[in-house]
Amino acid sequence: FTISRDNSKRTVYLQMNSLKLEDTAV
């Protein structure tokens, strides 16, 4: 996973790769 943010847009992102069954969640 990679977290990033764009302060000008007040937005945060989470790029999730190689997802596993145990990543299932809210």
mmCIF file of all heavy atoms, coordinates in Angstrom:
data_MODEL
# 
_entry.id   MODEL 
# 
loop_
_atom_site.group_PDB 
_atom_site.id 
_atom_site.type_symbol 
_atom_site.label_atom_id 
_atom_site.label_alt_id 
_atom_site.label_comp_id 
_atom_site.label_asym_id 
_atom_site.label_entity_id 
_atom_site.label_seq_id 
_atom_site.pdbx_PDB_ins_code 
_atom_site.Cartn_x 
_atom_site.Cartn_y 
_atom_site.Cartn_z 
_atom_site.occupancy 
_atom_site.B_iso_or_equiv 
_atom_site.pdbx_formal_charge 
_atom_site.auth_seq_id 
_atom_site.auth_comp_id 
_atom_site.auth_asym_id 
_atom_site.auth_atom_id 
_atom_site.pdbx_PDB_model_num 
ATOM 1   N N   . PHE A 1 1  ? 0.842   -1.194  0.000  1.00 0.00 ? 1  PHE A N   1 
ATOM 2   C CA  . PHE A 1 1  ? 0.000   0.000   0.000  1.00 0.00 ? 1  PHE A CA  1 
ATOM 3   C C   . PHE A 1 1  ? 0.880   1.247   0.000  1.00 0.00 ? 1  PHE A C   1 
ATOM 4   O O   . PHE A 1 1  ? 1.968   1.253   0.588  1.00 0.00 ? 1  PHE A O   1 
ATOM 5   C CB  . PHE A 1 1  ? -0.888  0.032   1.241  1.00 0.00 ? 1  PHE A CB  1 
ATOM 6   C CG  . PHE A 1 1  ? -1.976  -1.009  1.299  1.00 0.00 ? 1  PHE A CG  1 
ATOM 7   C CD1 . PHE A 1 1  ? -2.020  -2.072  0.398  1.00 0.00 ? 1  PHE A CD1 1 
ATOM 8   C CD2 . PHE A 1 1  ? -2.954  -0.933  2.269  1.00 0.00 ? 1  PHE A CD2 1 
ATOM 9   C CE1 . PHE A 1 1  ? -3.016  -3.027  0.450  1.00 0.00 ? 1  PHE A CE1 1 
ATOM 10  C CE2 . PHE A 1 1  ? -3.960  -1.874  2.344  1.00 0.00 ? 1  PHE A CE2 1 
ATOM 11  C CZ  . PHE A 1 1  ? -3.991  -2.925  1.428  1.00 0.00 ? 1  PHE A CZ  1 
ATOM 12  N N   . THR A 1 2  ? 0.368   2.299   -0.622 1.00 0.00 ? 2  THR A N   1 
ATOM 13  C CA  . THR A 1 2  ? 1.069   3.577   -0.646 1.00 0.00 ? 2  THR A CA  1 
ATOM 14  C C   . THR A 1 2  ? 0.087   4.699   -0.342 1.00 0.00 ? 2  THR A C   1 
ATOM 15  O O   . THR A 1 2  ? -0.939  4.834   -1.021 1.00 0.00 ? 2  THR A O   1 
ATOM 16  C CB  . THR A 1 2  ? 1.728   3.836   -2.003 1.00 0.00 ? 2  THR A CB  1 
ATOM 17  O OG1 . THR A 1 2  ? 2.633   2.765   -2.307 1.00 0.00 ? 2  THR A OG1 1 
ATOM 18  C CG2 . THR A 1 2  ? 2.502   5.150   -1.980 1.00 0.00 ? 2  THR A CG2 1 
ATOM 19  N N   . ILE A 1 3  ? 0.411   5.488   0.675  1.00 0.00 ? 3  ILE A N   1 
ATOM 20  C CA  . ILE A 1 3  ? -0.415  6.639   1.011  1.00 0.00 ? 3  ILE A CA  1 
ATOM 21  C C   . ILE A 1 3  ? 0.213   7.887   0.401  1.00 0.00 ? 3  ILE A C   1 
ATOM 22  O O   . ILE A 1 3  ? 1.443   8.021   0.344  1.00 0.00 ? 3  ILE A O   1 
ATOM 23  C CB  . ILE A 1 3  ? -0.572  6.797   2.542  1.00 0.00 ? 3  ILE A CB  1 
ATOM 24  C CG1 . ILE A 1 3  ? -1.577  7.900   2.863  1.00 0.00 ? 3  ILE A CG1 1 
ATOM 25  C CG2 . ILE A 1 3  ? 0.775   7.042   3.208  1.00 0.00 ? 3  ILE A CG2 1 
ATOM 26  C CD1 . ILE A 1 3  ? -1.930  7.985   4.349  1.00 0.00 ? 3  ILE A CD1 1 
ATOM 27  N N   . SER A 1 4  ? -0.637  8.780   -0.079 1.00 0.00 ? 4  SER A N   1 
ATOM 28  C CA  . SER A 1 4  ? -0.157  10.048  -0.613 1.00 0.00 ? 4  SER A CA  1 
ATOM 29  C C   . SER A 1 4  ? -1.226  11.103  -0.351 1.00 0.00 ? 4  SER A C   1 
ATOM 30  O O   . SER A 1 4  ? -2.367  10.781  -0.017 1.00 0.00 ? 4  SER A O   1 
ATOM 31  C CB  . SER A 1 4  ? 0.150   9.935   -2.106 1.00 0.00 ? 4  SER A CB  1 
ATOM 32  O OG  . SER A 1 4  ? -1.021  9.585   -2.835 1.00 0.00 ? 4  SER A OG  1 
ATOM 33  N N   . ARG A 1 5  ? -0.845  12.363  -0.502 1.00 0.00 ? 5  ARG A N   1 
ATOM 34  C CA  . ARG A 1 5  ? -1.799  13.438  -0.254 1.00 0.00 ? 5  ARG A CA  1 
ATOM 35  C C   . ARG A 1 5  ? -1.522  14.594  -1.193 1.00 0.00 ? 5  ARG A C   1 
ATOM 36  O O   . ARG A 1 5  ? -0.376  14.831  -1.591 1.00 0.00 ? 5  ARG A O   1 
ATOM 37  C CB  . ARG A 1 5  ? -1.760  13.894  1.201  1.00 0.00 ? 5  ARG A CB  1 
ATOM 38  C CG  . ARG A 1 5  ? -0.404  14.379  1.683  1.00 0.00 ? 5  ARG A CG  1 
ATOM 39  C CD  . ARG A 1 5  ? -0.380  14.563  3.205  1.00 0.00 ? 5  ARG A CD  1 
ATOM 40  N NE  . ARG A 1 5  ? -1.053  15.787  3.622  1.00 0.00 ? 5  ARG A NE  1 
ATOM 41  C CZ  . ARG A 1 5  ? -1.225  16.134  4.893  1.00 0.00 ? 5  ARG A CZ  1 
ATOM 42  N NH1 . ARG A 1 5  ? -0.799  15.337  5.857  1.00 0.00 ? 5  ARG A NH1 1 
ATOM 43  N NH2 . ARG A 1 5  ? -1.830  17.271  5.197  1.00 0.00 ? 5  ARG A NH2 1 
ATOM 44  N N   . ASP A 1 6  ? -2.585  15.307  -1.517 1.00 0.00 ? 6  ASP A N   1 
ATOM 45  C CA  . ASP A 1 6  ? -2.501  16.520  -2.316 1.00 0.00 ? 6  ASP A CA  1 
ATOM 46  C C   . ASP A 1 6  ? -3.067  17.636  -1.447 1.00 0.00 ? 6  ASP A C   1 
ATOM 47  O O   . ASP A 1 6  ? -4.289  17.760  -1.295 1.00 0.00 ? 6  ASP A O   1 
ATOM 48  C CB  . ASP A 1 6  ? -3.297  16.364  -3.614 1.00 0.00 ? 6  ASP A CB  1 
ATOM 49  C CG  . ASP A 1 6  ? -3.158  17.557  -4.535 1.00 0.00 ? 6  ASP A CG  1 
ATOM 50  O OD1 . ASP A 1 6  ? -2.876  18.676  -4.059 1.00 0.00 ? 6  ASP A OD1 1 
ATOM 51  O OD2 . ASP A 1 6  ? -3.322  17.371  -5.756 1.00 0.00 ? 6  ASP A OD2 1 
ATOM 52  N N   . ASN A 1 7  ? -2.186  18.418  -0.857 1.00 0.00 ? 7  ASN A N   1 
ATOM 53  C CA  . ASN A 1 7  ? -2.639  19.446  0.084  1.00 0.00 ? 7  ASN A CA  1 
ATOM 54  C C   . ASN A 1 7  ? -3.471  20.532  -0.598 1.00 0.00 ? 7  ASN A C   1 
ATOM 55  O O   . ASN A 1 7  ? -4.372  21.089  0.027  1.00 0.00 ? 7  ASN A O   1 
ATOM 56  C CB  . ASN A 1 7  ? -1.433  20.071  0.791  1.00 0.00 ? 7  ASN A CB  1 
ATOM 57  C CG  . ASN A 1 7  ? -0.747  19.080  1.712  1.00 0.00 ? 7  ASN A CG  1 
ATOM 58  O OD1 . ASN A 1 7  ? -1.385  18.216  2.321  1.00 0.00 ? 7  ASN A OD1 1 
ATOM 59  N ND2 . ASN A 1 7  ? 0.570   19.195  1.817  1.00 0.00 ? 7  ASN A ND2 1 
ATOM 60  N N   . SER A 1 8  ? -3.177  20.810  -1.850 1.00 0.00 ? 8  SER A N   1 
ATOM 61  C CA  . SER A 1 8  ? -3.941  21.837  -2.561 1.00 0.00 ? 8  SER A CA  1 
ATOM 62  C C   . SER A 1 8  ? -5.395  21.415  -2.752 1.00 0.00 ? 8  SER A C   1 
ATOM 63  O O   . SER A 1 8  ? -6.294  22.252  -2.839 1.00 0.00 ? 8  SER A O   1 
ATOM 64  C CB  . SER A 1 8  ? -3.301  22.135  -3.915 1.00 0.00 ? 8  SER A CB  1 
ATOM 65  O OG  . SER A 1 8  ? -3.385  21.012  -4.770 1.00 0.00 ? 8  SER A OG  1 
ATOM 66  N N   . LYS A 1 9  ? -5.616  20.104  -2.807 1.00 0.00 ? 9  LYS A N   1 
ATOM 67  C CA  . LYS A 1 9  ? -6.980  19.577  -2.968 1.00 0.00 ? 9  LYS A CA  1 
ATOM 68  C C   . LYS A 1 9  ? -7.534  19.050  -1.647 1.00 0.00 ? 9  LYS A C   1 
ATOM 69  O O   . LYS A 1 9  ? -8.668  18.574  -1.608 1.00 0.00 ? 9  LYS A O   1 
ATOM 70  C CB  . LYS A 1 9  ? -6.981  18.449  -4.004 1.00 0.00 ? 9  LYS A CB  1 
ATOM 71  C CG  . LYS A 1 9  ? -6.608  18.875  -5.405 1.00 0.00 ? 9  LYS A CG  1 
ATOM 72  C CD  . LYS A 1 9  ? -6.667  17.695  -6.365 1.00 0.00 ? 9  LYS A CD  1 
ATOM 73  C CE  . LYS A 1 9  ? -6.309  18.132  -7.775 1.00 0.00 ? 9  LYS A CE  1 
ATOM 74  N NZ  . LYS A 1 9  ? -6.333  16.994  -8.727 1.00 0.00 ? 9  LYS A NZ  1 
ATOM 75  N N   . ARG A 1 10 ? -6.733  19.095  -0.601 1.00 0.00 ? 10 ARG A N   1 
ATOM 76  C CA  . ARG A 1 10 ? -7.113  18.560  0.697  1.00 0.00 ? 10 ARG A CA  1 
ATOM 77  C C   . ARG A 1 10 ? -7.636  17.132  0.539  1.00 0.00 ? 10 ARG A C   1 
ATOM 78  O O   . ARG A 1 10 ? -8.711  16.759  1.028  1.00 0.00 ? 10 ARG A O   1 
ATOM 79  C CB  . ARG A 1 10 ? -8.157  19.454  1.386  1.00 0.00 ? 10 ARG A CB  1 
ATOM 80  C CG  . ARG A 1 10 ? -7.634  20.858  1.698  1.00 0.00 ? 10 ARG A CG  1 
ATOM 81  C CD  . ARG A 1 10 ? -8.501  21.587  2.676  1.00 0.00 ? 10 ARG A CD  1 
ATOM 82  N NE  . ARG A 1 10 ? -9.826  21.846  2.130  1.00 0.00 ? 10 ARG A NE  1 
ATOM 83  C CZ  . ARG A 1 10 ? -10.840 22.351  2.833  1.00 0.00 ? 10 ARG A CZ  1 
ATOM 84  N NH1 . ARG A 1 10 ? -10.672 22.612  4.132  1.00 0.00 ? 10 ARG A NH1 1 
ATOM 85  N NH2 . ARG A 1 10 ? -12.003 22.560  2.261  1.00 0.00 ? 10 ARG A NH2 1 
ATOM 86  N N   . THR A 1 11 ? -6.862  16.357  -0.160 1.00 0.00 ? 11 THR A N   1 
ATOM 87  C CA  . THR A 1 11 ? -7.241  14.989  -0.485 1.00 0.00 ? 11 THR A CA  1 
ATOM 88  C C   . THR A 1 11 ? -6.107  14.029  -0.126 1.00 0.00 ? 11 THR A C   1 
ATOM 89  O O   . THR A 1 11 ? -4.934  14.340  -0.358 1.00 0.00 ? 11 THR A O   1 
ATOM 90  C CB  . THR A 1 11 ? -7.580  14.852  -1.976 1.00 0.00 ? 11 THR A CB  1 
ATOM 91  O OG1 . THR A 1 11 ? -8.687  15.722  -2.277 1.00 0.00 ? 11 THR A OG1 1 
ATOM 92  C CG2 . THR A 1 11 ? -7.969  13.424  -2.319 1.00 0.00 ? 11 THR A CG2 1 
ATOM 93  N N   . VAL A 1 12 ? -6.489  12.889  0.430  1.00 0.00 ? 12 VAL A N   1 
ATOM 94  C CA  . VAL A 1 12 ? -5.533  11.833  0.723  1.00 0.00 ? 12 VAL A CA  1 
ATOM 95  C C   . VAL A 1 12 ? -5.932  10.590  -0.057 1.00 0.00 ? 12 VAL A C   1 
ATOM 96  O O   . VAL A 1 12 ? -7.122  10.334  -0.258 1.00 0.00 ? 12 VAL A O   1 
ATOM 97  C CB  . VAL A 1 12 ? -5.464  11.553  2.248  1.00 0.00 ? 12 VAL A CB  1 
ATOM 98  C CG1 . VAL A 1 12 ? -6.799  11.090  2.798  1.00 0.00 ? 12 VAL A CG1 1 
ATOM 99  C CG2 . VAL A 1 12 ? -4.350  10.571  2.569  1.00 0.00 ? 12 VAL A CG2 1 
ATOM 100 N N   . TYR A 1 13 ? -4.922  9.854   -0.502 1.00 0.00 ? 13 TYR A N   1 
ATOM 101 C CA  . TYR A 1 13 ? -5.143  8.671   -1.333 1.00 0.00 ? 13 TYR A CA  1 
ATOM 102 C C   . TYR A 1 13 ? -4.506  7.450   -0.674 1.00 0.00 ? 13 TYR A C   1 
ATOM 103 O O   . TYR A 1 13 ? -3.566  7.568   0.112  1.00 0.00 ? 13 TYR A O   1 
ATOM 104 C CB  . TYR A 1 13 ? -4.517  8.871   -2.715 1.00 0.00 ? 13 TYR A CB  1 
ATOM 105 C CG  . TYR A 1 13 ? -4.959  10.113  -3.423 1.00 0.00 ? 13 TYR A CG  1 
ATOM 106 C CD1 . TYR A 1 13 ? -4.189  11.275  -3.352 1.00 0.00 ? 13 TYR A CD1 1 
ATOM 107 C CD2 . TYR A 1 13 ? -6.132  10.141  -4.168 1.00 0.00 ? 13 TYR A CD2 1 
ATOM 108 C CE1 . TYR A 1 13 ? -4.586  12.444  -4.002 1.00 0.00 ? 13 TYR A CE1 1 
ATOM 109 C CE2 . TYR A 1 13 ? -6.538  11.295  -4.817 1.00 0.00 ? 13 TYR A CE2 1 
ATOM 110 C CZ  . TYR A 1 13 ? -5.764  12.437  -4.731 1.00 0.00 ? 13 TYR A CZ  1 
ATOM 111 O OH  . TYR A 1 13 ? -6.164  13.583  -5.371 1.00 0.00 ? 13 TYR A OH  1 
ATOM 112 N N   . LEU A 1 14 ? -5.023  6.292   -1.037 1.00 0.00 ? 14 LEU A N   1 
ATOM 113 C CA  . LEU A 1 14 ? -4.410  5.043   -0.619 1.00 0.00 ? 14 LEU A CA  1 
ATOM 114 C C   . LEU A 1 14 ? -4.402  4.104   -1.820 1.00 0.00 ? 14 LEU A C   1 
ATOM 115 O O   . LEU A 1 14 ? -5.457  3.634   -2.246 1.00 0.00 ? 14 LEU A O   1 
ATOM 116 C CB  . LEU A 1 14 ? -5.162  4.411   0.543  1.00 0.00 ? 14 LEU A CB  1 
ATOM 117 C CG  . LEU A 1 14 ? -4.506  3.154   1.119  1.00 0.00 ? 14 LEU A CG  1 
ATOM 118 C CD1 . LEU A 1 14 ? -3.190  3.520   1.828  1.00 0.00 ? 14 LEU A CD1 1 
ATOM 119 C CD2 . LEU A 1 14 ? -5.432  2.440   2.111  1.00 0.00 ? 14 LEU A CD2 1 
ATOM 120 N N   . GLN A 1 15 ? -3.221  3.895   -2.366 1.00 0.00 ? 15 GLN A N   1 
ATOM 121 C CA  . GLN A 1 15 ? -3.063  2.947   -3.465 1.00 0.00 ? 15 GLN A CA  1 
ATOM 122 C C   . GLN A 1 15 ? -2.799  1.576   -2.864 1.00 0.00 ? 15 GLN A C   1 
ATOM 123 O O   . GLN A 1 15 ? -1.830  1.392   -2.130 1.00 0.00 ? 15 GLN A O   1 
ATOM 124 C CB  . GLN A 1 15 ? -1.905  3.355   -4.371 1.00 0.00 ? 15 GLN A CB  1 
ATOM 125 C CG  . GLN A 1 15 ? -1.621  2.389   -5.508 1.00 0.00 ? 15 GLN A CG  1 
ATOM 126 C CD  . GLN A 1 15 ? -2.754  2.336   -6.505 1.00 0.00 ? 15 GLN A CD  1 
ATOM 127 O OE1 . GLN A 1 15 ? -3.306  3.357   -6.909 1.00 0.00 ? 15 GLN A OE1 1 
ATOM 128 N NE2 . GLN A 1 15 ? -3.108  1.128   -6.933 1.00 0.00 ? 15 GLN A NE2 1 
ATOM 129 N N   . MET A 1 16 ? -3.659  0.629   -3.180 1.00 0.00 ? 16 MET A N   1 
ATOM 130 C CA  . MET A 1 16 ? -3.557  -0.713  -2.606 1.00 0.00 ? 16 MET A CA  1 
ATOM 131 C C   . MET A 1 16 ? -3.274  -1.715  -3.720 1.00 0.00 ? 16 MET A C   1 
ATOM 132 O O   . MET A 1 16 ? -4.093  -1.883  -4.630 1.00 0.00 ? 16 MET A O   1 
ATOM 133 C CB  . MET A 1 16 ? -4.861  -1.074  -1.882 1.00 0.00 ? 16 MET A CB  1 
ATOM 134 C CG  . MET A 1 16 ? -5.268  -0.076  -0.816 1.00 0.00 ? 16 MET A CG  1 
ATOM 135 S SD  . MET A 1 16 ? -6.712  -0.586  0.133  1.00 0.00 ? 16 MET A SD  1 
ATOM 136 C CE  . MET A 1 16 ? -7.966  -0.479  -1.133 1.00 0.00 ? 16 MET A CE  1 
ATOM 137 N N   . ASN A 1 17 ? -2.129  -2.335  -3.662 1.00 0.00 ? 17 ASN A N   1 
ATOM 138 C CA  . ASN A 1 17 ? -1.717  -3.333  -4.654 1.00 0.00 ? 17 ASN A CA  1 
ATOM 139 C C   . ASN A 1 17 ? -1.579  -4.700  -3.985 1.00 0.00 ? 17 ASN A C   1 
ATOM 140 O O   . ASN A 1 17 ? -1.495  -4.801  -2.767 1.00 0.00 ? 17 ASN A O   1 
ATOM 141 C CB  . ASN A 1 17 ? -0.385  -2.933  -5.285 1.00 0.00 ? 17 ASN A CB  1 
ATOM 142 C CG  . ASN A 1 17 ? -0.465  -1.620  -6.036 1.00 0.00 ? 17 ASN A CG  1 
ATOM 143 O OD1 . ASN A 1 17 ? -1.502  -1.255  -6.595 1.00 0.00 ? 17 ASN A OD1 1 
ATOM 144 N ND2 . ASN A 1 17 ? 0.643   -0.886  -6.049 1.00 0.00 ? 17 ASN A ND2 1 
ATOM 145 N N   . SER A 1 18 ? -1.546  -5.716  -4.806 1.00 0.00 ? 18 SER A N   1 
ATOM 146 C CA  . SER A 1 18 ? -1.375  -7.094  -4.313 1.00 0.00 ? 18 SER A CA  1 
ATOM 147 C C   . SER A 1 18 ? -2.333  -7.390  -3.170 1.00 0.00 ? 18 SER A C   1 
ATOM 148 O O   . SER A 1 18 ? -1.940  -7.923  -2.122 1.00 0.00 ? 18 SER A O   1 
ATOM 149 C CB  . SER A 1 18 ? 0.074   -7.313  -3.856 1.00 0.00 ? 18 SER A CB  1 
ATOM 150 O OG  . SER A 1 18 ? 0.981   -7.052  -4.910 1.00 0.00 ? 18 SER A OG  1 
ATOM 151 N N   . LEU A 1 19 ? -3.577  -7.051  -3.376 1.00 0.00 ? 19 LEU A N   1 
ATOM 152 C CA  . LEU A 1 19 ? -4.571  -7.202  -2.315 1.00 0.00 ? 19 LEU A CA  1 
ATOM 153 C C   . LEU A 1 19 ? -4.772  -8.672  -1.934 1.00 0.00 ? 19 LEU A C   1 
ATOM 154 O O   . LEU A 1 19 ? -4.721  -9.566  -2.795 1.00 0.00 ? 19 LEU A O   1 
ATOM 155 C CB  . LEU A 1 19 ? -5.888  -6.579  -2.738 1.00 0.00 ? 19 LEU A CB  1 
ATOM 156 C CG  . LEU A 1 19 ? -5.913  -5.046  -2.632 1.00 0.00 ? 19 LEU A CG  1 
ATOM 157 C CD1 . LEU A 1 19 ? -7.013  -4.441  -3.484 1.00 0.00 ? 19 LEU A CD1 1 
ATOM 158 C CD2 . LEU A 1 19 ? -6.085  -4.631  -1.179 1.00 0.00 ? 19 LEU A CD2 1 
ATOM 159 N N   . LYS A 1 20 ? -4.978  -8.875  -0.650 1.00 0.00 ? 20 LYS A N   1 
ATOM 160 C CA  . LYS A 1 20 ? -5.160  -10.210 -0.102 1.00 0.00 ? 20 LYS A CA  1 
ATOM 161 C C   . LYS A 1 20 ? -6.568  -10.327 0.504  1.00 0.00 ? 20 LYS A C   1 
ATOM 162 O O   . LYS A 1 20 ? -7.212  -9.318  0.804  1.00 0.00 ? 20 LYS A O   1 
ATOM 163 C CB  . LYS A 1 20 ? -4.120  -10.471 0.990  1.00 0.00 ? 20 LYS A CB  1 
ATOM 164 C CG  . LYS A 1 20 ? -2.680  -10.330 0.548  1.00 0.00 ? 20 LYS A CG  1 
ATOM 165 C CD  . LYS A 1 20 ? -1.730  -10.535 1.710  1.00 0.00 ? 20 LYS A CD  1 
ATOM 166 C CE  . LYS A 1 20 ? -0.275  -10.390 1.284  1.00 0.00 ? 20 LYS A CE  1 
ATOM 167 N NZ  . LYS A 1 20 ? 0.650   -10.585 2.434  1.00 0.00 ? 20 LYS A NZ  1 
ATOM 168 N N   . LEU A 1 21 ? -6.978  -11.577 0.699  1.00 0.00 ? 21 LEU A N   1 
ATOM 169 C CA  . LEU A 1 21 ? -8.296  -11.799 1.302  1.00 0.00 ? 21 LEU A CA  1 
ATOM 170 C C   . LEU A 1 21 ? -8.429  -11.073 2.634  1.00 0.00 ? 21 LEU A C   1 
ATOM 171 O O   . LEU A 1 21 ? -9.494  -10.518 2.949  1.00 0.00 ? 21 LEU A O   1 
ATOM 172 C CB  . LEU A 1 21 ? -8.527  -13.299 1.501  1.00 0.00 ? 21 LEU A CB  1 
ATOM 173 C CG  . LEU A 1 21 ? -8.580  -14.156 0.244  1.00 0.00 ? 21 LEU A CG  1 
ATOM 174 C CD1 . LEU A 1 21 ? -8.689  -15.636 0.629  1.00 0.00 ? 21 LEU A CD1 1 
ATOM 175 C CD2 . LEU A 1 21 ? -9.741  -13.758 -0.650 1.00 0.00 ? 21 LEU A CD2 1 
ATOM 176 N N   . GLU A 1 22 ? -7.346  -11.046 3.399  1.00 0.00 ? 22 GLU A N   1 
ATOM 177 C CA  . GLU A 1 22 ? -7.387  -10.440 4.730  1.00 0.00 ? 22 GLU A CA  1 
ATOM 178 C C   . GLU A 1 22 ? -7.411  -8.920  4.706  1.00 0.00 ? 22 GLU A C   1 
ATOM 179 O O   . GLU A 1 22 ? -7.499  -8.287  5.758  1.00 0.00 ? 22 GLU A O   1 
ATOM 180 C CB  . GLU A 1 22 ? -6.208  -10.936 5.583  1.00 0.00 ? 22 GLU A CB  1 
ATOM 181 C CG  . GLU A 1 22 ? -4.852  -10.773 4.930  1.00 0.00 ? 22 GLU A CG  1 
ATOM 182 C CD  . GLU A 1 22 ? -4.393  -12.050 4.232  1.00 0.00 ? 22 GLU A CD  1 
ATOM 183 O OE1 . GLU A 1 22 ? -5.231  -12.729 3.584  1.00 0.00 ? 22 GLU A OE1 1 
ATOM 184 O OE2 . GLU A 1 22 ? -3.180  -12.346 4.318  1.00 0.00 ? 22 GLU A OE2 1 
ATOM 185 N N   . ASP A 1 23 ? -7.328  -8.323  3.540  1.00 0.00 ? 23 ASP A N   1 
ATOM 186 C CA  . ASP A 1 23 ? -7.468  -6.870  3.426  1.00 0.00 ? 23 ASP A CA  1 
ATOM 187 C C   . ASP A 1 23 ? -8.942  -6.452  3.379  1.00 0.00 ? 23 ASP A C   1 
ATOM 188 O O   . ASP A 1 23 ? -9.244  -5.260  3.403  1.00 0.00 ? 23 ASP A O   1 
ATOM 189 C CB  . ASP A 1 23 ? -6.771  -6.356  2.165  1.00 0.00 ? 23 ASP A CB  1 
ATOM 190 C CG  . ASP A 1 23 ? -5.260  -6.519  2.233  1.00 0.00 ? 23 ASP A CG  1 
ATOM 191 O OD1 . ASP A 1 23 ? -4.682  -6.275  3.314  1.00 0.00 ? 23 ASP A OD1 1 
ATOM 192 O OD2 . ASP A 1 23 ? -4.660  -6.884  1.203  1.00 0.00 ? 23 ASP A OD2 1 
ATOM 193 N N   . THR A 1 24 ? -9.834  -7.417  3.307  1.00 0.00 ? 24 THR A N   1 
ATOM 194 C CA  . THR A 1 24 ? -11.259 -7.110  3.291  1.00 0.00 ? 24 THR A CA  1 
ATOM 195 C C   . THR A 1 24 ? -11.671 -6.405  4.575  1.00 0.00 ? 24 THR A C   1 
ATOM 196 O O   . THR A 1 24 ? -11.420 -6.903  5.675  1.00 0.00 ? 24 THR A O   1 
ATOM 197 C CB  . THR A 1 24 ? -12.082 -8.407  3.132  1.00 0.00 ? 24 THR A CB  1 
ATOM 198 O OG1 . THR A 1 24 ? -11.810 -8.974  1.850  1.00 0.00 ? 24 THR A OG1 1 
ATOM 199 C CG2 . THR A 1 24 ? -13.572 -8.119  3.245  1.00 0.00 ? 24 THR A CG2 1 
ATOM 200 N N   . ALA A 1 25 ? -12.277 -5.232  4.420  1.00 0.00 ? 25 ALA A N   1 
ATOM 201 C CA  . ALA A 1 25 ? -12.652 -4.422  5.582  1.00 0.00 ? 25 ALA A CA  1 
ATOM 202 C C   . ALA A 1 25 ? -13.363 -3.164  5.091  1.00 0.00 ? 25 ALA A C   1 
ATOM 203 O O   . ALA A 1 25 ? -13.375 -2.868  3.892  1.00 0.00 ? 25 ALA A O   1 
ATOM 204 C CB  . ALA A 1 25 ? -11.423 -4.025  6.396  1.00 0.00 ? 25 ALA A CB  1 
ATOM 205 N N   . VAL A 1 26 ? -13.920 -2.434  6.049  1.00 0.00 ? 26 VAL A N   1 
ATOM 206 C CA  . VAL A 1 26 ? -14.370 -1.079  5.769  1.00 0.00 ? 26 VAL A CA  1 
ATOM 207 C C   . VAL A 1 26 ? -13.193 -0.155  6.053  1.00 0.00 ? 26 VAL A C   1 
ATOM 208 O O   . VAL A 1 26 ? -12.599 -0.217  7.136  1.00 0.00 ? 26 VAL A O   1 
ATOM 209 C CB  . VAL A 1 26 ? -15.576 -0.686  6.635  1.00 0.00 ? 26 VAL A CB  1 
ATOM 210 C CG1 . VAL A 1 26 ? -15.981 0.758   6.349  1.00 0.00 ? 26 VAL A CG1 1 
ATOM 211 C CG2 . VAL A 1 26 ? -16.750 -1.628  6.369  1.00 0.00 ? 26 VAL A CG2 1 
# 
